[in-house]
Amino acid sequence: MEAKYMLGVLYLAAVNLITFIVYGVDKRRAVSQKWRIPEKTLLLLAAAGGSVGAFAGMQIFRHKIRKMKFSLGVPVIFVVQILVFYGIFR
């Protein structure tokens, strides 16, 4: 595998892991009524390549699943990312 592809794979793995963890942390904070991570931050992490981690966090932690901007936004971000990556690596 070429180095640039390997760096891309490592980036995506890292950003998705971080996004997943951040969604879990925010859910824990929501349950314990503590300071929350802004929704803008959660969506920006998804847009930065962490859409799979965001979707997994939403499903596993049952977090933000009733909010339309998340339940529709995260899958739309994922589809856009697939189209962009397909265009770049085609």
PDB file of N, CA and C in Angstrom:
ATOM      1  N   MET A   1       0.849  -1.181   0.000  1.00  0.00           N
ATOM      2  CA  MET A   1       0.000   0.000   0.000  1.00  0.00           C
ATOM      3  C   MET A   1       0.895   1.245   0.000  1.00  0.00           C
ATOM      4  N   GLU A   2       0.547   2.204  -0.838  1.00  0.00           N
ATOM      5  CA  GLU A   2       1.334   3.429  -0.907  1.00  0.00           C
ATOM      6  C   GLU A   2       1.217   4.218   0.383  1.00  0.00           C
ATOM      7  N   ALA A   3       2.254   5.005   0.665  1.00  0.00           N
ATOM      8  CA  ALA A   3       2.312   5.762   1.922  1.00  0.00           C
ATOM      9  C   ALA A   3       1.147   6.721   2.070  1.00  0.00           C
ATOM     10  N   LYS A   4       0.760   7.419   0.979  1.00  0.00           N
ATOM     11  CA  LYS A   4      -0.329   8.394   1.099  1.00  0.00           C
ATOM     12  C   LYS A   4      -1.658   7.706   1.418  1.00  0.00           C
ATOM     13  N   TYR A   5      -1.854   6.499   0.881  1.00  0.00           N
ATOM     14  CA  TYR A   5      -3.074   5.767   1.209  1.00  0.00           C
ATOM     15  C   TYR A   5      -3.048   5.278   2.653  1.00  0.00           C
ATOM     16  N   MET A   6      -1.872   4.850   3.084  1.00  0.00           N
ATOM     17  CA  MET A   6      -1.730   4.380   4.460  1.00  0.00           C
ATOM     18  C   MET A   6      -1.999   5.520   5.444  1.00  0.00           C
ATOM     19  N   LEU A   7      -1.484   6.715   5.136  1.00  0.00           N
ATOM     20  CA  LEU A   7      -1.748   7.878   5.996  1.00  0.00           C
ATOM     21  C   LEU A   7      -3.236   8.203   6.024  1.00  0.00           C
ATOM     22  N   GLY A   8      -3.897   8.078   4.882  1.00  0.00           N
ATOM     23  CA  GLY A   8      -5.338   8.320   4.834  1.00  0.00           C
ATOM     24  C   GLY A   8      -6.115   7.328   5.680  1.00  0.00           C
ATOM     25  N   VAL A   9      -5.731   6.078   5.597  1.00  0.00           N
ATOM     26  CA  VAL A   9      -6.390   5.038   6.391  1.00  0.00           C
ATOM     27  C   VAL A   9      -6.156   5.276   7.881  1.00  0.00           C
ATOM     28  N   LEU A  10      -4.942   5.622   8.253  1.00  0.00           N
ATOM     29  CA  LEU A  10      -4.640   5.909   9.663  1.00  0.00           C
ATOM     30  C   LEU A  10      -5.422   7.121  10.159  1.00  0.00           C
ATOM     31  N   TYR A  11      -5.502   8.166   9.322  1.00  0.00           N
ATOM     32  CA  TYR A  11      -6.274   9.358   9.696  1.00  0.00           C
ATOM     33  C   TYR A  11      -7.733   8.987   9.937  1.00  0.00           C
ATOM     34  N   LEU A  12      -8.324   8.270   8.987  1.00  0.00           N
ATOM     35  CA  LEU A  12      -9.735   7.911   9.132  1.00  0.00           C
ATOM     36  C   LEU A  12      -9.982   7.028  10.354  1.00  0.00           C
ATOM     37  N   ALA A  13      -9.084   6.101  10.619  1.00  0.00           N
ATOM     38  CA  ALA A  13      -9.224   5.254  11.805  1.00  0.00           C
ATOM     39  C   ALA A  13      -9.167   6.099  13.075  1.00  0.00           C
ATOM     40  N   ALA A  14      -8.210   7.022  13.125  1.00  0.00           N
ATOM     41  CA  ALA A  14      -8.051   7.855  14.314  1.00  0.00           C
ATOM     42  C   ALA A  14      -9.242   8.792  14.517  1.00  0.00           C
ATOM     43  N   VAL A  15      -9.669   9.477  13.456  1.00  0.00           N
ATOM     44  CA  VAL A  15     -10.765  10.436  13.605  1.00  0.00           C
ATOM     45  C   VAL A  15     -12.074   9.724  13.938  1.00  0.00           C
ATOM     46  N   ASN A  16     -12.280   8.529  13.421  1.00  0.00           N
ATOM     47  CA  ASN A  16     -13.500   7.790  13.750  1.00  0.00           C
ATOM     48  C   ASN A  16     -13.476   7.271  15.182  1.00  0.00           C
ATOM     49  N   LEU A  17     -12.325   6.826  15.648  1.00  0.00           N
ATOM     50  CA  LEU A  17     -12.208   6.393  17.039  1.00  0.00           C
ATOM     51  C   LEU A  17     -12.443   7.564  17.990  1.00  0.00           C
ATOM     52  N   ILE A  18     -11.825   8.698  17.696  1.00  0.00           N
ATOM     53  CA  ILE A  18     -11.999   9.895  18.531  1.00  0.00           C
ATOM     54  C   ILE A  18     -13.457  10.332  18.534  1.00  0.00           C
ATOM     55  N   THR A  19     -14.081  10.346  17.367  1.00  0.00           N
ATOM     56  CA  THR A  19     -15.484  10.761  17.271  1.00  0.00           C
ATOM     57  C   THR A  19     -16.380   9.831  18.077  1.00  0.00           C
ATOM     58  N   PHE A  20     -16.156   8.548  17.964  1.00  0.00           N
ATOM     59  CA  PHE A  20     -16.934   7.571  18.722  1.00  0.00           C
ATOM     60  C   PHE A  20     -16.798   7.831  20.229  1.00  0.00           C
ATOM     61  N   ILE A  21     -15.587   8.049  20.689  1.00  0.00           N
ATOM     62  CA  ILE A  21     -15.334   8.304  22.113  1.00  0.00           C
ATOM     63  C   ILE A  21     -16.014   9.592  22.559  1.00  0.00           C
ATOM     64  N   VAL A  22     -15.923  10.633  21.737  1.00  0.00           N
ATOM     65  CA  VAL A  22     -16.528  11.923  22.092  1.00  0.00           C
ATOM     66  C   VAL A  22     -18.046  11.795  22.195  1.00  0.00           C
ATOM     67  N   TYR A  23     -18.671  11.040  21.310  1.00  0.00           N
ATOM     68  CA  TYR A  23     -20.118  10.821  21.414  1.00  0.00           C
ATOM     69  C   TYR A  23     -20.447  10.086  22.713  1.00  0.00           C
ATOM     70  N   GLY A  24     -19.640   9.128  23.099  1.00  0.00           N
ATOM     71  CA  GLY A  24     -19.859   8.414  24.357  1.00  0.00           C
ATOM     72  C   GLY A  24     -19.686   9.314  25.561  1.00  0.00           C
ATOM     73  N   VAL A  25     -18.664  10.148  25.531  1.00  0.00           N
ATOM     74  CA  VAL A  25     -18.426  11.093  26.628  1.00  0.00           C
ATOM     75  C   VAL A  25     -19.604  12.062  26.743  1.00  0.00           C
ATOM     76  N   ASP A  26     -20.083  12.573  25.605  1.00  0.00           N
ATOM     77  CA  ASP A  26     -21.205  13.505  25.647  1.00  0.00           C
ATOM     78  C   ASP A  26     -22.458  12.838  26.180  1.00  0.00           C
ATOM     79  N   LYS A  27     -22.692  11.593  25.826  1.00  0.00           N
ATOM     80  CA  LYS A  27     -23.853  10.874  26.352  1.00  0.00           C
ATOM     81  C   LYS A  27     -23.744  10.711  27.868  1.00  0.00           C
ATOM     82  N   ARG A  28     -22.545  10.358  28.336  1.00  0.00           N
ATOM     83  CA  ARG A  28     -22.348  10.206  29.780  1.00  0.00           C
ATOM     84  C   ARG A  28     -22.601  11.533  30.498  1.00  0.00           C
ATOM     85  N   ARG A  29     -22.119  12.629  29.895  1.00  0.00           N
ATOM     86  CA  ARG A  29     -22.339  13.946  30.489  1.00  0.00           C
ATOM     87  C   ARG A  29     -23.818  14.318  30.475  1.00  0.00           C
ATOM     88  N   ALA A  30     -24.527  13.918  29.430  1.00  0.00           N
ATOM     89  CA  ALA A  30     -25.958  14.219  29.348  1.00  0.00           C
ATOM     90  C   ALA A  30     -26.722  13.490  30.449  1.00  0.00           C
ATOM     91  N   VAL A  31     -26.390  12.236  30.667  1.00  0.00           N
ATOM     92  CA  VAL A  31     -27.071  11.438  31.693  1.00  0.00           C
ATOM     93  C   VAL A  31     -26.810  12.000  33.084  1.00  0.00           C
ATOM     94  N   SER A  32     -25.582  12.451  33.329  1.00  0.00           N
ATOM     95  CA  SER A  32     -25.234  12.973  34.655  1.00  0.00           C
ATOM     96  C   SER A  32     -25.442  14.481  34.766  1.00  0.00           C
ATOM     97  N   GLN A  33     -26.077  15.080  33.765  1.00  0.00           N
ATOM     98  CA  GLN A  33     -26.420  16.505  33.754  1.00  0.00           C
ATOM     99  C   GLN A  33     -25.211  17.402  33.999  1.00  0.00           C
ATOM    100  N   LYS A  34     -24.122  17.095  33.307  1.00  0.00           N
ATOM    101  CA  LYS A  34     -22.915  17.906  33.379  1.00  0.00           C
ATOM    102  C   LYS A  34     -22.770  18.716  32.099  1.00  0.00           C
ATOM    103  N   TRP A  35     -21.699  19.528  32.045  1.00  0.00           N
ATOM    104  CA  TRP A  35     -21.411  20.335  30.875  1.00  0.00           C
ATOM    105  C   TRP A  35     -21.315  19.445  29.650  1.00  0.00           C
ATOM    106  N   ARG A  36     -21.915  19.895  28.546  1.00  0.00           N
ATOM    107  CA  ARG A  36     -22.011  19.088  27.331  1.00  0.00           C
ATOM    108  C   ARG A  36     -21.061  19.571  26.253  1.00  0.00           C
ATOM    109  N   ILE A  37     -20.746  18.687  25.348  1.00  0.00           N
ATOM    110  CA  ILE A  37     -19.966  19.015  24.160  1.00  0.00           C
ATOM    111  C   ILE A  37     -20.934  19.647  23.163  1.00  0.00           C
ATOM    112  N   PRO A  38     -20.586  20.807  22.604  1.00  0.00           N
ATOM    113  CA  PRO A  38     -21.512  21.469  21.666  1.00  0.00           C
ATOM    114  C   PRO A  38     -21.855  20.588  20.462  1.00  0.00           C
ATOM    115  N   GLU A  39     -23.110  20.685  20.013  1.00  0.00           N
ATOM    116  CA  GLU A  39     -23.552  19.905  18.857  1.00  0.00           C
ATOM    117  C   GLU A  39     -22.709  20.223  17.631  1.00  0.00           C
ATOM    118  N   LYS A  40     -22.291  21.475  17.508  1.00  0.00           N
ATOM    119  CA  LYS A  40     -21.458  21.871  16.372  1.00  0.00           C
ATOM    120  C   LYS A  40     -20.169  21.060  16.351  1.00  0.00           C
ATOM    121  N   THR A  41     -19.587  20.828  17.514  1.00  0.00           N
ATOM    122  CA  THR A  41     -18.356  20.039  17.610  1.00  0.00           C
ATOM    123  C   THR A  41     -18.607  18.595  17.178  1.00  0.00           C
ATOM    124  N   LEU A  42     -19.719  18.032  17.630  1.00  0.00           N
ATOM    125  CA  LEU A  42     -20.048  16.649  17.262  1.00  0.00           C
ATOM    126  C   LEU A  42     -20.218  16.510  15.749  1.00  0.00           C
ATOM    127  N   LEU A  43     -20.904  17.472  15.139  1.00  0.00           N
ATOM    128  CA  LEU A  43     -21.110  17.417  13.692  1.00  0.00           C
ATOM    129  C   LEU A  43     -19.815  17.708  12.929  1.00  0.00           C
ATOM    130  N   LEU A  44     -18.982  18.600  13.444  1.00  0.00           N
ATOM    131  CA  LEU A  44     -17.700  18.879  12.788  1.00  0.00           C
ATOM    132  C   LEU A  44     -16.790  17.656  12.801  1.00  0.00           C
ATOM    133  N   LEU A  45     -16.809  16.903  13.888  1.00  0.00           N
ATOM    134  CA  LEU A  45     -16.027  15.664  13.928  1.00  0.00           C
ATOM    135  C   LEU A  45     -16.507  14.680  12.858  1.00  0.00           C
ATOM    136  N   ALA A  46     -17.819  14.593  12.697  1.00  0.00           N
ATOM    137  CA  ALA A  46     -18.364  13.722  11.647  1.00  0.00           C
ATOM    138  C   ALA A  46     -17.923  14.218  10.269  1.00  0.00           C
ATOM    139  N   ALA A  47     -17.984  15.526  10.063  1.00  0.00           N
ATOM    140  CA  ALA A  47     -17.610  16.104   8.772  1.00  0.00           C
ATOM    141  C   ALA A  47     -16.115  15.994   8.497  1.00  0.00           C
ATOM    142  N   ALA A  48     -15.318  15.909   9.534  1.00  0.00           N
ATOM    143  CA  ALA A  48     -13.861  15.806   9.374  1.00  0.00           C
ATOM    144  C   ALA A  48     -13.417  14.394   9.023  1.00  0.00           C
ATOM    145  N   GLY A  49     -14.363  13.529   8.757  1.00  0.00           N
ATOM    146  CA  GLY A  49     -14.033  12.154   8.383  1.00  0.00           C
ATOM    147  C   GLY A  49     -14.515  11.131   9.389  1.00  0.00           C
ATOM    148  N   GLY A  50     -15.142  11.583  10.461  1.00  0.00           N
ATOM    149  CA  GLY A  50     -15.570  10.671  11.513  1.00  0.00           C
ATOM    150  C   GLY A  50     -17.028  10.280  11.455  1.00  0.00           C
ATOM    151  N   SER A  51     -17.602  10.256  10.263  1.00  0.00           N
ATOM    152  CA  SER A  51     -19.032   9.955  10.153  1.00  0.00           C
ATOM    153  C   SER A  51     -19.370   8.526  10.577  1.00  0.00           C
ATOM    154  N   VAL A  52     -18.489   7.590  10.326  1.00  0.00           N
ATOM    155  CA  VAL A  52     -18.737   6.202  10.752  1.00  0.00           C
ATOM    156  C   VAL A  52     -18.698   6.120  12.283  1.00  0.00           C
ATOM    157  N   GLY A  53     -17.728   6.775  12.896  1.00  0.00           N
ATOM    158  CA  GLY A  53     -17.642   6.812  14.351  1.00  0.00           C
ATOM    159  C   GLY A  53     -18.832   7.525  14.967  1.00  0.00           C
ATOM    160  N   ALA A  54     -19.301   8.589  14.304  1.00  0.00           N
ATOM    161  CA  ALA A  54     -20.474   9.320  14.792  1.00  0.00           C
ATOM    162  C   ALA A  54     -21.712   8.430  14.727  1.00  0.00           C
ATOM    163  N   PHE A  55     -21.898   7.765  13.600  1.00  0.00           N
ATOM    164  CA  PHE A  55     -23.060   6.889  13.453  1.00  0.00           C
ATOM    165  C   PHE A  55     -23.007   5.740  14.458  1.00  0.00           C
ATOM    166  N   ALA A  56     -21.840   5.153  14.621  1.00  0.00           N
ATOM    167  CA  ALA A  56     -21.694   4.062  15.592  1.00  0.00           C
ATOM    168  C   ALA A  56     -21.978   4.565  17.007  1.00  0.00           C
ATOM    169  N   GLY A  57     -21.462   5.743  17.341  1.00  0.00           N
ATOM    170  CA  GLY A  57     -21.717   6.320  18.662  1.00  0.00           C
ATOM    171  C   GLY A  57     -23.185   6.620  18.888  1.00  0.00           C
ATOM    172  N   MET A  58     -23.847   7.109  17.844  1.00  0.00           N
ATOM    173  CA  MET A  58     -25.279   7.374  17.952  1.00  0.00           C
ATOM    174  C   MET A  58     -26.043   6.085  18.238  1.00  0.00           C
ATOM    175  N   GLN A  59     -25.694   5.021  17.562  1.00  0.00           N
ATOM    176  CA  GLN A  59     -26.420   3.760  17.715  1.00  0.00           C
ATOM    177  C   GLN A  59     -26.076   3.040  19.022  1.00  0.00           C
ATOM    178  N   ILE A  60     -24.799   2.944  19.329  1.00  0.00           N
ATOM    179  CA  ILE A  60     -24.381   2.187  20.510  1.00  0.00           C
ATOM    180  C   ILE A  60     -24.750   2.904  21.801  1.00  0.00           C
ATOM    181  N   PHE A  61     -24.545   4.240  21.843  1.00  0.00           N
ATOM    182  CA  PHE A  61     -24.841   4.999  23.053  1.00  0.00           C
ATOM    183  C   PHE A  61     -26.281   5.524  23.065  1.00  0.00           C
ATOM    184  N   ARG A  62     -27.034   5.267  21.972  1.00  0.00           N
ATOM    185  CA  ARG A  62     -28.403   5.796  21.836  1.00  0.00           C
ATOM    186  C   ARG A  62     -28.384   7.304  22.089  1.00  0.00           C
ATOM    187  N   HIS A  63     -27.504   7.980  21.382  1.00  0.00           N
ATOM    188  CA  HIS A  63     -27.273   9.406  21.613  1.00  0.00           C
ATOM    189  C   HIS A  63     -27.559  10.204  20.351  1.00  0.00           C
ATOM    190  N   LYS A  64     -28.355  11.246  20.478  1.00  0.00           N
ATOM    191  CA  LYS A  64     -28.698  12.186  19.400  1.00  0.00           C
ATOM    192  C   LYS A  64     -29.508  11.527  18.290  1.00  0.00           C
ATOM    193  N   ILE A  65     -30.138  10.400  18.579  1.00  0.00           N
ATOM    194  CA  ILE A  65     -30.865   9.692  17.526  1.00  0.00           C
ATOM    195  C   ILE A  65     -32.217  10.339  17.230  1.00  0.00           C
ATOM    196  N   ARG A  66     -32.730  11.142  18.128  1.00  0.00           N
ATOM    197  CA  ARG A  66     -34.015  11.803  17.904  1.00  0.00           C
ATOM    198  C   ARG A  66     -33.854  13.182  17.280  1.00  0.00           C
ATOM    199  N   LYS A  67     -32.653  13.682  17.242  1.00  0.00           N
ATOM    200  CA  LYS A  67     -32.395  15.006  16.664  1.00  0.00           C
ATOM    201  C   LYS A  67     -32.249  14.860  15.158  1.00  0.00           C
ATOM    202  N   MET A  68     -33.095  15.589  14.422  1.00  0.00           N
ATOM    203  CA  MET A  68     -33.129  15.475  12.967  1.00  0.00           C
ATOM    204  C   MET A  68     -31.780  15.810  12.336  1.00  0.00           C
ATOM    205  N   LYS A  69     -31.094  16.842  12.859  1.00  0.00           N
ATOM    206  CA  LYS A  69     -29.827  17.207  12.230  1.00  0.00           C
ATOM    207  C   LYS A  69     -28.771  16.128  12.394  1.00  0.00           C
ATOM    208  N   PHE A  70     -28.937  15.253  13.351  1.00  0.00           N
ATOM    209  CA  PHE A  70     -28.020  14.125  13.513  1.00  0.00           C
ATOM    210  C   PHE A  70     -28.528  12.879  12.774  1.00  0.00           C
ATOM    211  N   SER A  71     -29.808  12.560  12.945  1.00  0.00           N
ATOM    212  CA  SER A  71     -30.330  11.341  12.333  1.00  0.00           C
ATOM    213  C   SER A  71     -30.316  11.418  10.809  1.00  0.00           C
ATOM    214  N   LEU A  72     -30.423  12.601  10.244  1.00  0.00           N
ATOM    215  CA  LEU A  72     -30.297  12.766   8.797  1.00  0.00           C
ATOM    216  C   LEU A  72     -28.917  13.280   8.411  1.00  0.00           C
ATOM    217  N   GLY A  73     -28.370  14.182   9.228  1.00  0.00           N
ATOM    218  CA  GLY A  73     -27.115  14.845   8.899  1.00  0.00           C
ATOM    219  C   GLY A  73     -25.918  13.920   8.833  1.00  0.00           C
ATOM    220  N   VAL A  74     -25.775  13.044   9.795  1.00  0.00           N
ATOM    221  CA  VAL A  74     -24.617  12.149   9.819  1.00  0.00           C
ATOM    222  C   VAL A  74     -24.633  11.188   8.620  1.00  0.00           C
ATOM    223  N   PRO A  75     -25.763  10.556   8.285  1.00  0.00           N
ATOM    224  CA  PRO A  75     -25.759   9.718   7.076  1.00  0.00           C
ATOM    225  C   PRO A  75     -25.486  10.525   5.793  1.00  0.00           C
ATOM    226  N   VAL A  76     -26.000  11.748   5.707  1.00  0.00           N
ATOM    227  CA  VAL A  76     -25.728  12.584   4.528  1.00  0.00           C
ATOM    228  C   VAL A  76     -24.237  12.908   4.457  1.00  0.00           C
ATOM    229  N   ILE A  77     -23.641  13.254   5.583  1.00  0.00           N
ATOM    230  CA  ILE A  77     -22.196  13.521   5.619  1.00  0.00           C
ATOM    231  C   ILE A  77     -21.432  12.286   5.140  1.00  0.00           C
ATOM    232  N   PHE A  78     -21.851  11.103   5.594  1.00  0.00           N
ATOM    233  CA  PHE A  78     -21.188   9.862   5.191  1.00  0.00           C
ATOM    234  C   PHE A  78     -21.262   9.657   3.675  1.00  0.00           C
ATOM    235  N   VAL A  79     -22.438   9.846   3.100  1.00  0.00           N
ATOM    236  CA  VAL A  79     -22.608   9.663   1.659  1.00  0.00           C
ATOM    237  C   VAL A  79     -21.739  10.653   0.886  1.00  0.00           C
ATOM    238  N   VAL A  80     -21.719  11.902   1.329  1.00  0.00           N
ATOM    239  CA  VAL A  80     -20.877  12.908   0.674  1.00  0.00           C
ATOM    240  C   VAL A  80     -19.407  12.502   0.767  1.00  0.00           C
ATOM    241  N   GLN A  81     -18.985  12.012   1.918  1.00  0.00           N
ATOM    242  CA  GLN A  81     -17.592  11.588   2.081  1.00  0.00           C
ATOM    243  C   GLN A  81     -17.265  10.414   1.155  1.00  0.00           C
ATOM    244  N   ILE A  82     -18.168   9.480   1.013  1.00  0.00           N
ATOM    245  CA  ILE A  82     -17.948   8.348   0.106  1.00  0.00           C
ATOM    246  C   ILE A  82     -17.785   8.857  -1.319  1.00  0.00           C
ATOM    247  N   LEU A  83     -18.643   9.777  -1.733  1.00  0.00           N
ATOM    248  CA  LEU A  83     -18.561  10.320  -3.085  1.00  0.00           C
ATOM    249  C   LEU A  83     -17.266  11.079  -3.308  1.00  0.00           C
ATOM    250  N   VAL A  84     -16.836  11.847  -2.308  1.00  0.00           N
ATOM    251  CA  VAL A  84     -15.574  12.592  -2.423  1.00  0.00           C
ATOM    252  C   VAL A  84     -14.395  11.630  -2.485  1.00  0.00           C
ATOM    253  N   PHE A  85     -14.361  10.654  -1.600  1.00  0.00           N
ATOM    254  CA  PHE A  85     -13.253   9.691  -1.596  1.00  0.00           C
ATOM    255  C   PHE A  85     -13.237   8.870  -2.880  1.00  0.00           C
ATOM    256  N   TYR A  86     -14.428   8.528  -3.380  1.00  0.00           N
ATOM    257  CA  TYR A  86     -14.481   7.784  -4.637  1.00  0.00           C
ATOM    258  C   TYR A  86     -13.900   8.628  -5.773  1.00  0.00           C
ATOM    259  N   GLY A  87     -14.246   9.919  -5.775  1.00  0.00           N
ATOM    260  CA  GLY A  87     -13.716  10.821  -6.793  1.00  0.00           C
ATOM    261  C   GLY A  87     -12.222  11.012  -6.710  1.00  0.00           C
ATOM    262  N   ILE A  88     -11.694  11.044  -5.498  1.00  0.00           N
ATOM    263  CA  ILE A  88     -10.257  11.247  -5.304  1.00  0.00           C
ATOM    264  C   ILE A  88      -9.462   9.995  -5.662  1.00  0.00           C
ATOM    265  N   PHE A  89      -9.932   8.840  -5.256  1.00  0.00           N
ATOM    266  CA  PHE A  89      -9.155   7.610  -5.405  1.00  0.00           C
ATOM    267  C   PHE A  89      -9.584   6.763  -6.605  1.00  0.00           C
ATOM    268  N   ARG A  90     -10.365   7.310  -7.466  1.00  0.00           N
ATOM    269  CA  ARG A  90     -10.837   6.600  -8.651  1.00  0.00           C
ATOM    270  C   ARG A  90      -9.747   6.440  -9.665  1.00  0.00           C
TER     271      ARG A  90
END
